[in-house]
Amino acid sequence: MDEKTWHVLERNSGLLVGNMVLSEEFFRLLKTEHVLPDTMVRDIQVRAALVKASIFKLKTFIVIGNY
């Protein structure tokens, strides 16, 4: 990777990470391309599910609190 490309990715890494969708297809790609070990991908999937559940609960509490 050339230096210019590296700086663009570095400068925009927050946007790239923030807009990443943790879908099953994304996890499958990580596994098939051997980007991360399978155990790490499973850990990320579990963590993502917990975060998603927490966000749902928080939104529910906000709705309940508004009544």
PDB file of N, CA and C in Angstrom:
ATOM      1  N   MET A   1       0.852  -1.166   0.000  1.00  0.00           N
ATOM      2  CA  MET A   1       0.000   0.000   0.000  1.00  0.00           C
ATOM      3  C   MET A   1       0.904   1.237   0.000  1.00  0.00           C
ATOM      4  N   ASP A   2       0.590   2.158  -0.877  1.00  0.00           N
ATOM      5  CA  ASP A   2       1.430   3.352  -0.933  1.00  0.00           C
ATOM      6  C   ASP A   2       1.092   4.308   0.217  1.00  0.00           C
ATOM      7  N   GLU A   3       1.964   5.268   0.420  1.00  0.00           N
ATOM      8  CA  GLU A   3       1.837   6.168   1.566  1.00  0.00           C
ATOM      9  C   GLU A   3       0.572   7.028   1.476  1.00  0.00           C
ATOM     10  N   LYS A   4       0.220   7.475   0.274  1.00  0.00           N
ATOM     11  CA  LYS A   4      -0.967   8.307   0.105  1.00  0.00           C
ATOM     12  C   LYS A   4      -2.226   7.546   0.512  1.00  0.00           C
ATOM     13  N   THR A   5      -2.347   6.296   0.044  1.00  0.00           N
ATOM     14  CA  THR A   5      -3.507   5.466   0.399  1.00  0.00           C
ATOM     15  C   THR A   5      -3.546   5.230   1.899  1.00  0.00           C
ATOM     16  N   TRP A   6      -2.398   4.972   2.495  1.00  0.00           N
ATOM     17  CA  TRP A   6      -2.320   4.728   3.934  1.00  0.00           C
ATOM     18  C   TRP A   6      -2.833   5.944   4.710  1.00  0.00           C
ATOM     19  N   HIS A   7      -2.427   7.138   4.312  1.00  0.00           N
ATOM     20  CA  HIS A   7      -2.851   8.346   5.018  1.00  0.00           C
ATOM     21  C   HIS A   7      -4.353   8.594   4.865  1.00  0.00           C
ATOM     22  N   VAL A   8      -4.899   8.297   3.696  1.00  0.00           N
ATOM     23  CA  VAL A   8      -6.344   8.444   3.498  1.00  0.00           C
ATOM     24  C   VAL A   8      -7.095   7.492   4.414  1.00  0.00           C
ATOM     25  N   LEU A   9      -6.669   6.241   4.480  1.00  0.00           N
ATOM     26  CA  LEU A   9      -7.316   5.265   5.356  1.00  0.00           C
ATOM     27  C   LEU A   9      -7.155   5.650   6.823  1.00  0.00           C
ATOM     28  N   GLU A  10      -5.981   6.100   7.194  1.00  0.00           N
ATOM     29  CA  GLU A  10      -5.726   6.497   8.580  1.00  0.00           C
ATOM     30  C   GLU A  10      -6.608   7.687   8.966  1.00  0.00           C
ATOM     31  N   ARG A  11      -6.698   8.670   8.085  1.00  0.00           N
ATOM     32  CA  ARG A  11      -7.478   9.874   8.359  1.00  0.00           C
ATOM     33  C   ARG A  11      -8.967   9.555   8.474  1.00  0.00           C
ATOM     34  N   ASN A  12      -9.443   8.599   7.709  1.00  0.00           N
ATOM     35  CA  ASN A  12     -10.871   8.276   7.673  1.00  0.00           C
ATOM     36  C   ASN A  12     -11.219   6.992   8.419  1.00  0.00           C
ATOM     37  N   SER A  13     -10.310   6.482   9.217  1.00  0.00           N
ATOM     38  CA  SER A  13     -10.552   5.197   9.889  1.00  0.00           C
ATOM     39  C   SER A  13     -11.759   5.248  10.816  1.00  0.00           C
ATOM     40  N   GLY A  14     -11.965   6.358  11.497  1.00  0.00           N
ATOM     41  CA  GLY A  14     -13.130   6.478  12.381  1.00  0.00           C
ATOM     42  C   GLY A  14     -14.430   6.342  11.624  1.00  0.00           C
ATOM     43  N   LEU A  15     -14.505   6.966  10.462  1.00  0.00           N
ATOM     44  CA  LEU A  15     -15.713   6.856   9.635  1.00  0.00           C
ATOM     45  C   LEU A  15     -15.890   5.441   9.116  1.00  0.00           C
ATOM     46  N   LEU A  16     -14.795   4.832   8.691  1.00  0.00           N
ATOM     47  CA  LEU A  16     -14.867   3.472   8.161  1.00  0.00           C
ATOM     48  C   LEU A  16     -15.359   2.499   9.227  1.00  0.00           C
ATOM     49  N   VAL A  17     -14.794   2.586  10.412  1.00  0.00           N
ATOM     50  CA  VAL A  17     -15.169   1.680  11.500  1.00  0.00           C
ATOM     51  C   VAL A  17     -16.582   1.980  11.976  1.00  0.00           C
ATOM     52  N   GLY A  18     -16.926   3.254  12.086  1.00  0.00           N
ATOM     53  CA  GLY A  18     -18.244   3.636  12.565  1.00  0.00           C
ATOM     54  C   GLY A  18     -19.375   3.223  11.645  1.00  0.00           C
ATOM     55  N   ASN A  19     -19.085   3.078  10.371  1.00  0.00           N
ATOM     56  CA  ASN A  19     -20.115   2.721   9.397  1.00  0.00           C
ATOM     57  C   ASN A  19     -20.095   1.248   9.010  1.00  0.00           C
ATOM     58  N   MET A  20     -19.279   0.468   9.685  1.00  0.00           N
ATOM     59  CA  MET A  20     -19.186  -0.953   9.381  1.00  0.00           C
ATOM     60  C   MET A  20     -20.438  -1.674   9.901  1.00  0.00           C
ATOM     61  N   VAL A  21     -21.044  -2.476   9.056  1.00  0.00           N
ATOM     62  CA  VAL A  21     -22.216  -3.251   9.447  1.00  0.00           C
ATOM     63  C   VAL A  21     -21.754  -4.662   9.763  1.00  0.00           C
ATOM     64  N   LEU A  22     -21.995  -5.090  10.998  1.00  0.00           N
ATOM     65  CA  LEU A  22     -21.533  -6.412  11.436  1.00  0.00           C
ATOM     66  C   LEU A  22     -22.574  -7.466  11.055  1.00  0.00           C
ATOM     67  N   SER A  23     -22.657  -7.750   9.764  1.00  0.00           N
ATOM     68  CA  SER A  23     -23.623  -8.720   9.258  1.00  0.00           C
ATOM     69  C   SER A  23     -22.991 -10.110   9.204  1.00  0.00           C
ATOM     70  N   GLU A  24     -23.833 -11.097   8.978  1.00  0.00           N
ATOM     71  CA  GLU A  24     -23.334 -12.466   8.835  1.00  0.00           C
ATOM     72  C   GLU A  24     -22.402 -12.569   7.634  1.00  0.00           C
ATOM     73  N   GLU A  25     -22.721 -11.845   6.576  1.00  0.00           N
ATOM     74  CA  GLU A  25     -21.876 -11.847   5.385  1.00  0.00           C
ATOM     75  C   GLU A  25     -20.484 -11.280   5.706  1.00  0.00           C
ATOM     76  N   PHE A  26     -20.443 -10.228   6.505  1.00  0.00           N
ATOM     77  CA  PHE A  26     -19.172  -9.625   6.900  1.00  0.00           C
ATOM     78  C   PHE A  26     -18.336 -10.619   7.703  1.00  0.00           C
ATOM     79  N   PHE A  27     -18.968 -11.308   8.655  1.00  0.00           N
ATOM     80  CA  PHE A  27     -18.245 -12.297   9.463  1.00  0.00           C
ATOM     81  C   PHE A  27     -17.767 -13.466   8.610  1.00  0.00           C
ATOM     82  N   ARG A  28     -18.593 -13.878   7.657  1.00  0.00           N
ATOM     83  CA  ARG A  28     -18.209 -14.967   6.753  1.00  0.00           C
ATOM     84  C   ARG A  28     -16.982 -14.560   5.925  1.00  0.00           C
ATOM     85  N   LEU A  29     -16.964 -13.313   5.479  1.00  0.00           N
ATOM     86  CA  LEU A  29     -15.822 -12.798   4.718  1.00  0.00           C
ATOM     87  C   LEU A  29     -14.560 -12.783   5.576  1.00  0.00           C
ATOM     88  N   LEU A  30     -14.688 -12.347   6.823  1.00  0.00           N
ATOM     89  CA  LEU A  30     -13.529 -12.352   7.723  1.00  0.00           C
ATOM     90  C   LEU A  30     -12.956 -13.754   7.883  1.00  0.00           C
ATOM     91  N   LYS A  31     -13.845 -14.743   7.979  1.00  0.00           N
ATOM     92  CA  LYS A  31     -13.399 -16.124   8.143  1.00  0.00           C
ATOM     93  C   LYS A  31     -12.771 -16.675   6.869  1.00  0.00           C
ATOM     94  N   THR A  32     -13.438 -16.485   5.734  1.00  0.00           N
ATOM     95  CA  THR A  32     -12.937 -17.076   4.485  1.00  0.00           C
ATOM     96  C   THR A  32     -11.635 -16.443   4.021  1.00  0.00           C
ATOM     97  N   GLU A  33     -11.461 -15.157   4.309  1.00  0.00           N
ATOM     98  CA  GLU A  33     -10.224 -14.470   3.907  1.00  0.00           C
ATOM     99  C   GLU A  33      -9.139 -14.585   4.985  1.00  0.00           C
ATOM    100  N   HIS A  34      -9.461 -15.272   6.076  1.00  0.00           N
ATOM    101  CA  HIS A  34      -8.516 -15.479   7.180  1.00  0.00           C
ATOM    102  C   HIS A  34      -7.960 -14.155   7.710  1.00  0.00           C
ATOM    103  N   VAL A  35      -8.856 -13.171   7.838  1.00  0.00           N
ATOM    104  CA  VAL A  35      -8.470 -11.870   8.378  1.00  0.00           C
ATOM    105  C   VAL A  35      -8.242 -11.988   9.876  1.00  0.00           C
ATOM    106  N   LEU A  36      -9.120 -12.720  10.531  1.00  0.00           N
ATOM    107  CA  LEU A  36      -9.031 -12.957  11.972  1.00  0.00           C
ATOM    108  C   LEU A  36      -9.234 -14.443  12.242  1.00  0.00           C
ATOM    109  N   PRO A  37      -8.688 -14.942  13.347  1.00  0.00           N
ATOM    110  CA  PRO A  37      -8.946 -16.343  13.702  1.00  0.00           C
ATOM    111  C   PRO A  37     -10.440 -16.555  13.989  1.00  0.00           C
ATOM    112  N   ASP A  38     -10.913 -17.774  13.757  1.00  0.00           N
ATOM    113  CA  ASP A  38     -12.330 -18.096  13.974  1.00  0.00           C
ATOM    114  C   ASP A  38     -12.788 -17.774  15.387  1.00  0.00           C
ATOM    115  N   THR A  39     -11.941 -18.029  16.367  1.00  0.00           N
ATOM    116  CA  THR A  39     -12.323 -17.753  17.756  1.00  0.00           C
ATOM    117  C   THR A  39     -12.552 -16.260  17.974  1.00  0.00           C
ATOM    118  N   MET A  40     -11.741 -15.433  17.350  1.00  0.00           N
ATOM    119  CA  MET A  40     -11.896 -13.989  17.493  1.00  0.00           C
ATOM    120  C   MET A  40     -13.167 -13.511  16.799  1.00  0.00           C
ATOM    121  N   VAL A  41     -13.474 -14.078  15.641  1.00  0.00           N
ATOM    122  CA  VAL A  41     -14.700 -13.716  14.926  1.00  0.00           C
ATOM    123  C   VAL A  41     -15.916 -14.085  15.769  1.00  0.00           C
ATOM    124  N   ARG A  42     -15.893 -15.262  16.387  1.00  0.00           N
ATOM    125  CA  ARG A  42     -17.010 -15.672  17.254  1.00  0.00           C
ATOM    126  C   ARG A  42     -17.152 -14.731  18.443  1.00  0.00           C
ATOM    127  N   ASP A  43     -16.038 -14.332  19.043  1.00  0.00           N
ATOM    128  CA  ASP A  43     -16.078 -13.396  20.168  1.00  0.00           C
ATOM    129  C   ASP A  43     -16.694 -12.060  19.747  1.00  0.00           C
ATOM    130  N   ILE A  44     -16.341 -11.583  18.560  1.00  0.00           N
ATOM    131  CA  ILE A  44     -16.886 -10.329  18.056  1.00  0.00           C
ATOM    132  C   ILE A  44     -18.385 -10.467  17.800  1.00  0.00           C
ATOM    133  N   GLN A  45     -18.803 -11.614  17.254  1.00  0.00           N
ATOM    134  CA  GLN A  45     -20.223 -11.842  17.001  1.00  0.00           C
ATOM    135  C   GLN A  45     -21.014 -11.813  18.304  1.00  0.00           C
ATOM    136  N   VAL A  46     -20.487 -12.462  19.327  1.00  0.00           N
ATOM    137  CA  VAL A  46     -21.167 -12.482  20.627  1.00  0.00           C
ATOM    138  C   VAL A  46     -21.247 -11.077  21.196  1.00  0.00           C
ATOM    139  N   ARG A  47     -20.147 -10.365  21.141  1.00  0.00           N
ATOM    140  CA  ARG A  47     -20.108  -8.995  21.665  1.00  0.00           C
ATOM    141  C   ARG A  47     -21.066  -8.091  20.897  1.00  0.00           C
ATOM    142  N   ALA A  48     -21.119  -8.243  19.585  1.00  0.00           N
ATOM    143  CA  ALA A  48     -22.027  -7.438  18.762  1.00  0.00           C
ATOM    144  C   ALA A  48     -23.481  -7.720  19.133  1.00  0.00           C
ATOM    145  N   ALA A  49     -23.802  -8.969  19.392  1.00  0.00           N
ATOM    146  CA  ALA A  49     -25.175  -9.330  19.787  1.00  0.00           C
ATOM    147  C   ALA A  49     -25.521  -8.706  21.135  1.00  0.00           C
ATOM    148  N   LEU A  50     -24.575  -8.688  22.060  1.00  0.00           N
ATOM    149  CA  LEU A  50     -24.817  -8.085  23.370  1.00  0.00           C
ATOM    150  C   LEU A  50     -25.027  -6.575  23.247  1.00  0.00           C
ATOM    151  N   VAL A  51     -24.230  -5.944  22.431  1.00  0.00           N
ATOM    152  CA  VAL A  51     -24.370  -4.497  22.222  1.00  0.00           C
ATOM    153  C   VAL A  51     -25.723  -4.189  21.589  1.00  0.00           C
ATOM    154  N   LYS A  52     -26.110  -4.986  20.606  1.00  0.00           N
ATOM    155  CA  LYS A  52     -27.400  -4.781  19.935  1.00  0.00           C
ATOM    156  C   LYS A  52     -28.546  -4.918  20.938  1.00  0.00           C
ATOM    157  N   ALA A  53     -28.476  -5.907  21.814  1.00  0.00           N
ATOM    158  CA  ALA A  53     -29.507  -6.100  22.831  1.00  0.00           C
ATOM    159  C   ALA A  53     -29.528  -4.926  23.807  1.00  0.00           C
ATOM    160  N   SER A  54     -28.362  -4.437  24.176  1.00  0.00           N
ATOM    161  CA  SER A  54     -28.283  -3.305  25.102  1.00  0.00           C
ATOM    162  C   SER A  54     -28.876  -2.043  24.484  1.00  0.00           C
ATOM    163  N   ILE A  55     -28.612  -1.820  23.219  1.00  0.00           N
ATOM    164  CA  ILE A  55     -29.173  -0.659  22.527  1.00  0.00           C
ATOM    165  C   ILE A  55     -30.695  -0.753  22.490  1.00  0.00           C
ATOM    166  N   PHE A  56     -31.201  -1.953  22.220  1.00  0.00           N
ATOM    167  CA  PHE A  56     -32.652  -2.154  22.192  1.00  0.00           C
ATOM    168  C   PHE A  56     -33.256  -1.847  23.563  1.00  0.00           C
ATOM    169  N   LYS A  57     -32.619  -2.345  24.626  1.00  0.00           N
ATOM    170  CA  LYS A  57     -33.120  -2.083  25.984  1.00  0.00           C
ATOM    171  C   LYS A  57     -33.090  -0.594  26.303  1.00  0.00           C
ATOM    172  N   LEU A  58     -32.014   0.084  25.932  1.00  0.00           N
ATOM    173  CA  LEU A  58     -31.903   1.512  26.186  1.00  0.00           C
ATOM    174  C   LEU A  58     -33.004   2.279  25.467  1.00  0.00           C
ATOM    175  N   LYS A  59     -33.248   1.937  24.203  1.00  0.00           N
ATOM    176  CA  LYS A  59     -34.325   2.603  23.455  1.00  0.00           C
ATOM    177  C   LYS A  59     -35.677   2.344  24.098  1.00  0.00           C
ATOM    178  N   THR A  60     -35.888   1.128  24.602  1.00  0.00           N
ATOM    179  CA  THR A  60     -37.135   0.788  25.290  1.00  0.00           C
ATOM    180  C   THR A  60     -37.310   1.624  26.540  1.00  0.00           C
ATOM    181  N   PHE A  61     -36.244   1.775  27.339  1.00  0.00           N
ATOM    182  CA  PHE A  61     -36.315   2.587  28.552  1.00  0.00           C
ATOM    183  C   PHE A  61     -36.601   4.050  28.220  1.00  0.00           C
ATOM    184  N   ILE A  62     -36.055   4.540  27.135  1.00  0.00           N
ATOM    185  CA  ILE A  62     -36.280   5.921  26.722  1.00  0.00           C
ATOM    186  C   ILE A  62     -37.761   6.110  26.359  1.00  0.00           C
ATOM    187  N   VAL A  63     -38.307   5.163  25.615  1.00  0.00           N
ATOM    188  CA  VAL A  63     -39.717   5.243  25.225  1.00  0.00           C
ATOM    189  C   VAL A  63     -40.613   5.182  26.470  1.00  0.00           C
ATOM    190  N   ILE A  64     -40.325   4.259  27.371  1.00  0.00           N
ATOM    191  CA  ILE A  64     -41.116   4.121  28.586  1.00  0.00           C
ATOM    192  C   ILE A  64     -41.003   5.394  29.426  1.00  0.00           C
ATOM    193  N   GLY A  65     -39.820   5.966  29.488  1.00  0.00           N
ATOM    194  CA  GLY A  65     -39.603   7.178  30.283  1.00  0.00           C
ATOM    195  C   GLY A  65     -40.322   8.391  29.731  1.00  0.00           C
ATOM    196  N   ASN A  66     -40.651   8.376  28.452  1.00  0.00           N
ATOM    197  CA  ASN A  66     -41.332   9.509  27.842  1.00  0.00           C
ATOM    198  C   ASN A  66     -42.835   9.510  28.091  1.00  0.00           C
ATOM    199  N   TYR A  67     -43.366   8.445  28.715  1.00  0.00           N
ATOM    200  CA  TYR A  67     -44.810   8.398  28.979  1.00  0.00           C
ATOM    201  C   TYR A  67     -45.137   8.906  30.341  1.00  0.00           C
TER     202      TYR A  67
END
